Amino acid sequence: MPNPVKELLLGRGWAGKTISRSETVEHLNPLLRQHIELNYHYRAAFREHSEPAVVEALQRVQKTARADVGKLSETIHSCGGTPYNGTDLKSEDFALEGDDTDILQTLQSVEQEFQEALVHERKNVEHQMRTRGILEALTSNSKERLTLLDDLIERADGATA
């Protein structure tokens, strides 16, 4: 677990024991899988949401999400592991049901679960500095997507009221 006193004194530098490269692989591969599944949910929303402007907004944030998958994969690879690649997943397994608001709420729920997994990982595991930086970036990008989803849901609720 990260030590707040060390973080306060050392800033972005680090002193102390961090997890091994093999442990990093064990911790990041489940996050990678969760991120790939999240991206499949977004692709389902592209197919199933009826408003082109909403789909376009979601597609814009997906560019970063796809790059984030690459960052996780590269980190796992650089630690000597084999990154999960999602070849066992199929697009049709990620159909979203309901109306446009339901689709956005499902995305929000899946994104929130991913956000919580990232926060848990950052708070409870002593990762190497590079991995910590990547997890911080992924957390920030997930927050941006959650903000967008909140806004889109609010607009959809306002349109139906």
C-alpha atoms as a PDB file:
ATOM      1  CA  MET A   1       0.000   0.000   0.000  1.00  0.00           C
ATOM      2  CA  PRO A   2       1.444   3.420  -0.930  1.00  0.00           C
ATOM      3  CA  ASN A   3       2.816   5.384   1.983  1.00  0.00           C
ATOM      4  CA  PRO A   4       1.376   8.943   2.055  1.00  0.00           C
ATOM      5  CA  VAL A   5       4.338  10.257   4.074  1.00  0.00           C
ATOM      6  CA  LYS A   6       6.811   8.998   1.453  1.00  0.00           C
ATOM      7  CA  GLU A   7       4.691  10.492  -1.320  1.00  0.00           C
ATOM      8  CA  LEU A   8       4.564  13.857   0.464  1.00  0.00           C
ATOM      9  CA  LEU A   9       8.317  13.940   1.085  1.00  0.00           C
ATOM     10  CA  LEU A  10       9.482  12.477  -2.211  1.00  0.00           C
ATOM     11  CA  GLY A  11       6.882  13.775  -4.630  1.00  0.00           C
ATOM     12  CA  ARG A  12       7.075  11.781  -7.834  1.00  0.00           C
ATOM     13  CA  GLY A  13      10.359  10.139  -6.815  1.00  0.00           C
ATOM     14  CA  TRP A  14      10.215   6.904  -4.919  1.00  0.00           C
ATOM     15  CA  ALA A  15      12.042   4.986  -2.251  1.00  0.00           C
ATOM     16  CA  GLY A  16      11.226   1.584  -0.963  1.00  0.00           C
ATOM     17  CA  LYS A  17      10.144  -1.773  -2.235  1.00  0.00           C
ATOM     18  CA  THR A  18       7.824  -2.126  -5.211  1.00  0.00           C
ATOM     19  CA  ILE A  19       6.238  -5.228  -6.641  1.00  0.00           C
ATOM     20  CA  SER A  20       8.225  -7.392  -9.026  1.00  0.00           C
ATOM     21  CA  ARG A  21       7.849  -7.448 -12.783  1.00  0.00           C
ATOM     22  CA  SER A  22       5.995 -10.773 -12.664  1.00  0.00           C
ATOM     23  CA  GLU A  23       3.653  -9.386 -10.000  1.00  0.00           C
ATOM     24  CA  THR A  24       3.080  -6.345 -12.211  1.00  0.00           C
ATOM     25  CA  VAL A  25       1.967  -8.676 -15.005  1.00  0.00           C
ATOM     26  CA  GLU A  26      -0.393 -10.488 -12.598  1.00  0.00           C
ATOM     27  CA  HIS A  27      -1.938  -7.183 -11.517  1.00  0.00           C
ATOM     28  CA  LEU A  28      -2.190  -5.502 -14.915  1.00  0.00           C
ATOM     29  CA  ASN A  29      -3.535  -8.332 -17.073  1.00  0.00           C
ATOM     30  CA  PRO A  30      -6.958  -8.338 -15.335  1.00  0.00           C
ATOM     31  CA  LEU A  31      -7.126  -4.547 -15.774  1.00  0.00           C
ATOM     32  CA  LEU A  32      -6.206  -4.970 -19.430  1.00  0.00           C
ATOM     33  CA  ARG A  33      -8.976  -7.512 -19.913  1.00  0.00           C
ATOM     34  CA  GLN A  34     -11.465  -5.222 -18.170  1.00  0.00           C
ATOM     35  CA  HIS A  35     -10.381  -2.316 -20.387  1.00  0.00           C
ATOM     36  CA  ILE A  36     -10.726  -4.358 -23.584  1.00  0.00           C
ATOM     37  CA  GLU A  37     -14.210  -5.473 -22.501  1.00  0.00           C
ATOM     38  CA  LEU A  38     -15.070  -1.841 -21.741  1.00  0.00           C
ATOM     39  CA  ASN A  39     -14.023  -0.887 -25.264  1.00  0.00           C
ATOM     40  CA  TYR A  40     -16.276  -3.627 -26.652  1.00  0.00           C
ATOM     41  CA  HIS A  41     -19.168  -2.061 -24.719  1.00  0.00           C
ATOM     42  CA  TYR A  42     -18.404   1.285 -26.335  1.00  0.00           C
ATOM     43  CA  ARG A  43     -18.371  -0.348 -29.779  1.00  0.00           C
ATOM     44  CA  ALA A  44     -21.782  -1.839 -29.020  1.00  0.00           C
ATOM     45  CA  ALA A  45     -23.013   1.651 -28.131  1.00  0.00           C
ATOM     46  CA  PHE A  46     -21.743   2.922 -31.496  1.00  0.00           C
ATOM     47  CA  ARG A  47     -23.866   0.299 -33.234  1.00  0.00           C
ATOM     48  CA  GLU A  48     -26.982   0.637 -31.109  1.00  0.00           C
ATOM     49  CA  HIS A  49     -27.334   4.296 -30.101  1.00  0.00           C
ATOM     50  CA  SER A  50     -29.688   6.219 -32.383  1.00  0.00           C
ATOM     51  CA  GLU A  51     -28.136   9.723 -32.154  1.00  0.00           C
ATOM     52  CA  PRO A  52     -25.148  10.314 -34.438  1.00  0.00           C
ATOM     53  CA  ALA A  53     -23.883  13.244 -32.304  1.00  0.00           C
ATOM     54  CA  VAL A  54     -23.726  11.018 -29.219  1.00  0.00           C
ATOM     55  CA  VAL A  55     -21.975   8.257 -31.136  1.00  0.00           C
ATOM     56  CA  GLU A  56     -19.459  10.785 -32.466  1.00  0.00           C
ATOM     57  CA  ALA A  57     -18.720  12.060 -28.943  1.00  0.00           C
ATOM     58  CA  LEU A  58     -18.213   8.513 -27.687  1.00  0.00           C
ATOM     59  CA  GLN A  59     -15.960   7.683 -30.631  1.00  0.00           C
ATOM     60  CA  ARG A  60     -13.747  10.677 -29.855  1.00  0.00           C
ATOM     61  CA  VAL A  61     -13.010   9.433 -26.330  1.00  0.00           C
ATOM     62  CA  GLN A  62     -12.442   5.916 -27.617  1.00  0.00           C
ATOM     63  CA  LYS A  63      -9.317   7.008 -29.482  1.00  0.00           C
ATOM     64  CA  THR A  64      -7.655   7.589 -26.125  1.00  0.00           C
ATOM     65  CA  ALA A  65      -9.137   4.411 -24.651  1.00  0.00           C
ATOM     66  CA  ARG A  66      -7.641   2.316 -27.447  1.00  0.00           C
ATOM     67  CA  ALA A  67      -4.252   3.961 -26.852  1.00  0.00           C
ATOM     68  CA  ASP A  68      -4.590   3.185 -23.142  1.00  0.00           C
ATOM     69  CA  VAL A  69      -5.033  -0.507 -23.954  1.00  0.00           C
ATOM     70  CA  GLY A  70      -1.761  -0.266 -25.866  1.00  0.00           C
ATOM     71  CA  LYS A  71      -0.027   1.328 -22.875  1.00  0.00           C
ATOM     72  CA  LEU A  72      -1.148  -1.477 -20.585  1.00  0.00           C
ATOM     73  CA  SER A  73      -0.142  -4.112 -23.135  1.00  0.00           C
ATOM     74  CA  GLU A  74       3.297  -2.588 -23.596  1.00  0.00           C
ATOM     75  CA  THR A  75       3.848  -2.369 -19.845  1.00  0.00           C
ATOM     76  CA  ILE A  76       2.963  -6.034 -19.429  1.00  0.00           C
ATOM     77  CA  HIS A  77       5.193  -6.960 -22.352  1.00  0.00           C
ATOM     78  CA  SER A  78       8.101  -4.909 -20.988  1.00  0.00           C
ATOM     79  CA  CYS A  79       7.758  -6.768 -17.685  1.00  0.00           C
ATOM     80  CA  GLY A  80       8.265 -10.059 -19.514  1.00  0.00           C
ATOM     81  CA  GLY A  81       4.616 -11.074 -19.569  1.00  0.00           C
ATOM     82  CA  THR A  82       2.147 -11.910 -22.284  1.00  0.00           C
ATOM     83  CA  PRO A  83      -0.570  -9.264 -22.440  1.00  0.00           C
ATOM     84  CA  TYR A  84      -4.172 -10.397 -22.677  1.00  0.00           C
ATOM     85  CA  ASN A  85      -5.305  -9.687 -26.243  1.00  0.00           C
ATOM     86  CA  GLY A  86      -9.061 -10.254 -26.230  1.00  0.00           C
ATOM     87  CA  THR A  87      -9.108 -12.726 -29.122  1.00  0.00           C
ATOM     88  CA  ASP A  88     -11.578 -14.844 -27.155  1.00  0.00           C
ATOM     89  CA  LEU A  89     -14.117 -12.000 -27.115  1.00  0.00           C
ATOM     90  CA  LYS A  90     -16.795 -11.462 -29.750  1.00  0.00           C
ATOM     91  CA  SER A  91     -18.597  -8.217 -30.537  1.00  0.00           C
ATOM     92  CA  GLU A  92     -22.004  -9.899 -30.396  1.00  0.00           C
ATOM     93  CA  ASP A  93     -21.382 -10.806 -26.733  1.00  0.00           C
ATOM     94  CA  PHE A  94     -21.516  -7.105 -25.866  1.00  0.00           C
ATOM     95  CA  ALA A  95     -24.956  -6.101 -27.076  1.00  0.00           C
ATOM     96  CA  LEU A  96     -26.522  -3.277 -25.062  1.00  0.00           C
ATOM     97  CA  GLU A  97     -30.233  -3.432 -24.411  1.00  0.00           C
ATOM     98  CA  GLY A  98     -32.850  -0.764 -23.887  1.00  0.00           C
ATOM     99  CA  ASP A  99     -33.306   2.742 -25.185  1.00  0.00           C
ATOM    100  CA  ASP A 100     -30.576   5.319 -25.758  1.00  0.00           C
ATOM    101  CA  THR A 101     -30.503   6.361 -22.082  1.00  0.00           C
ATOM    102  CA  ASP A 102     -30.237   2.725 -20.972  1.00  0.00           C
ATOM    103  CA  ILE A 103     -27.270   2.265 -23.312  1.00  0.00           C
ATOM    104  CA  LEU A 104     -25.500   5.271 -21.807  1.00  0.00           C
ATOM    105  CA  GLN A 105     -26.271   4.150 -18.262  1.00  0.00           C
ATOM    106  CA  THR A 106     -24.854   0.697 -18.980  1.00  0.00           C
ATOM    107  CA  LEU A 107     -21.677   2.296 -20.354  1.00  0.00           C
ATOM    108  CA  GLN A 108     -21.503   4.503 -17.285  1.00  0.00           C
ATOM    109  CA  SER A 109     -21.812   1.481 -14.987  1.00  0.00           C
ATOM    110  CA  VAL A 110     -19.095  -0.488 -16.787  1.00  0.00           C
ATOM    111  CA  GLU A 111     -16.832   2.574 -16.905  1.00  0.00           C
ATOM    112  CA  GLN A 112     -17.391   3.190 -13.181  1.00  0.00           C
ATOM    113  CA  GLU A 113     -16.390  -0.408 -12.397  1.00  0.00           C
ATOM    114  CA  PHE A 114     -13.194   0.086 -14.391  1.00  0.00           C
ATOM    115  CA  GLN A 115     -12.515   3.382 -12.612  1.00  0.00           C
ATOM    116  CA  GLU A 116     -12.933   1.685  -9.229  1.00  0.00           C
ATOM    117  CA  ALA A 117     -10.554  -1.123 -10.236  1.00  0.00           C
ATOM    118  CA  LEU A 118      -7.927   1.443 -11.258  1.00  0.00           C
ATOM    119  CA  VAL A 119      -8.298   3.400  -8.018  1.00  0.00           C
ATOM    120  CA  HIS A 120      -8.093   0.202  -5.972  1.00  0.00           C
ATOM    121  CA  GLU A 121      -4.926  -0.840  -7.815  1.00  0.00           C
ATOM    122  CA  ARG A 122      -3.288   2.552  -7.335  1.00  0.00           C
ATOM    123  CA  LYS A 123      -4.116   2.762  -3.645  1.00  0.00           C
ATOM    124  CA  ASN A 124      -3.347  -0.795  -2.596  1.00  0.00           C
ATOM    125  CA  VAL A 125      -0.313  -1.879  -4.605  1.00  0.00           C
ATOM    126  CA  GLU A 126       3.261  -0.516  -4.596  1.00  0.00           C
ATOM    127  CA  HIS A 127       3.839  -0.381  -8.345  1.00  0.00           C
ATOM    128  CA  GLN A 128       7.023   0.791 -10.021  1.00  0.00           C
ATOM    129  CA  MET A 129       7.000   4.490 -10.942  1.00  0.00           C
ATOM    130  CA  ARG A 130       6.363   3.933 -14.662  1.00  0.00           C
ATOM    131  CA  THR A 131       3.385   1.703 -13.915  1.00  0.00           C
ATOM    132  CA  ARG A 132       2.074   4.212 -11.379  1.00  0.00           C
ATOM    133  CA  GLY A 133       2.213   6.928 -14.032  1.00  0.00           C
ATOM    134  CA  ILE A 134       0.323   4.782 -16.519  1.00  0.00           C
ATOM    135  CA  LEU A 135      -2.336   3.900 -13.952  1.00  0.00           C
ATOM    136  CA  GLU A 136      -2.730   7.608 -13.116  1.00  0.00           C
ATOM    137  CA  ALA A 137      -3.161   8.441 -16.807  1.00  0.00           C
ATOM    138  CA  LEU A 138      -5.719   5.659 -17.267  1.00  0.00           C
ATOM    139  CA  THR A 139      -7.624   6.855 -14.194  1.00  0.00           C
ATOM    140  CA  SER A 140      -7.685  10.417 -15.532  1.00  0.00           C
ATOM    141  CA  ASN A 141      -8.880   9.255 -18.959  1.00  0.00           C
ATOM    142  CA  SER A 142     -11.592   7.134 -17.376  1.00  0.00           C
ATOM    143  CA  LYS A 143     -12.750  10.152 -15.349  1.00  0.00           C
ATOM    144  CA  GLU A 144     -13.032  12.143 -18.576  1.00  0.00           C
ATOM    145  CA  ARG A 145     -15.201   9.424 -20.121  1.00  0.00           C
ATOM    146  CA  LEU A 146     -17.369   9.314 -16.988  1.00  0.00           C
ATOM    147  CA  THR A 147     -17.812  13.092 -17.153  1.00  0.00           C
ATOM    148  CA  LEU A 148     -18.871  12.811 -20.787  1.00  0.00           C
ATOM    149  CA  LEU A 149     -21.310  10.001 -19.978  1.00  0.00           C
ATOM    150  CA  ASP A 150     -22.776  12.004 -17.085  1.00  0.00           C
ATOM    151  CA  ASP A 151     -23.301  14.937 -19.436  1.00  0.00           C
ATOM    152  CA  LEU A 152     -24.854  12.784 -22.167  1.00  0.00           C
ATOM    153  CA  ILE A 153     -27.205  11.097 -19.685  1.00  0.00           C
ATOM    154  CA  GLU A 154     -28.207  14.457 -18.224  1.00  0.00           C
ATOM    155  CA  ARG A 155     -28.971  15.784 -21.709  1.00  0.00           C
ATOM    156  CA  ALA A 156     -30.985  12.660 -22.571  1.00  0.00           C
ATOM    157  CA  ASP A 157     -32.952  12.979 -19.324  1.00  0.00           C
ATOM    158  CA  GLY A 158     -33.573  16.663 -20.030  1.00  0.00           C
ATOM    159  CA  ALA A 159     -34.813  15.867 -23.536  1.00  0.00           C
ATOM    160  CA  THR A 160     -37.347  13.364 -22.206  1.00  0.00           C
ATOM    161  CA  ALA A 161     -38.580  15.577 -19.355  1.00  0.00           C
END
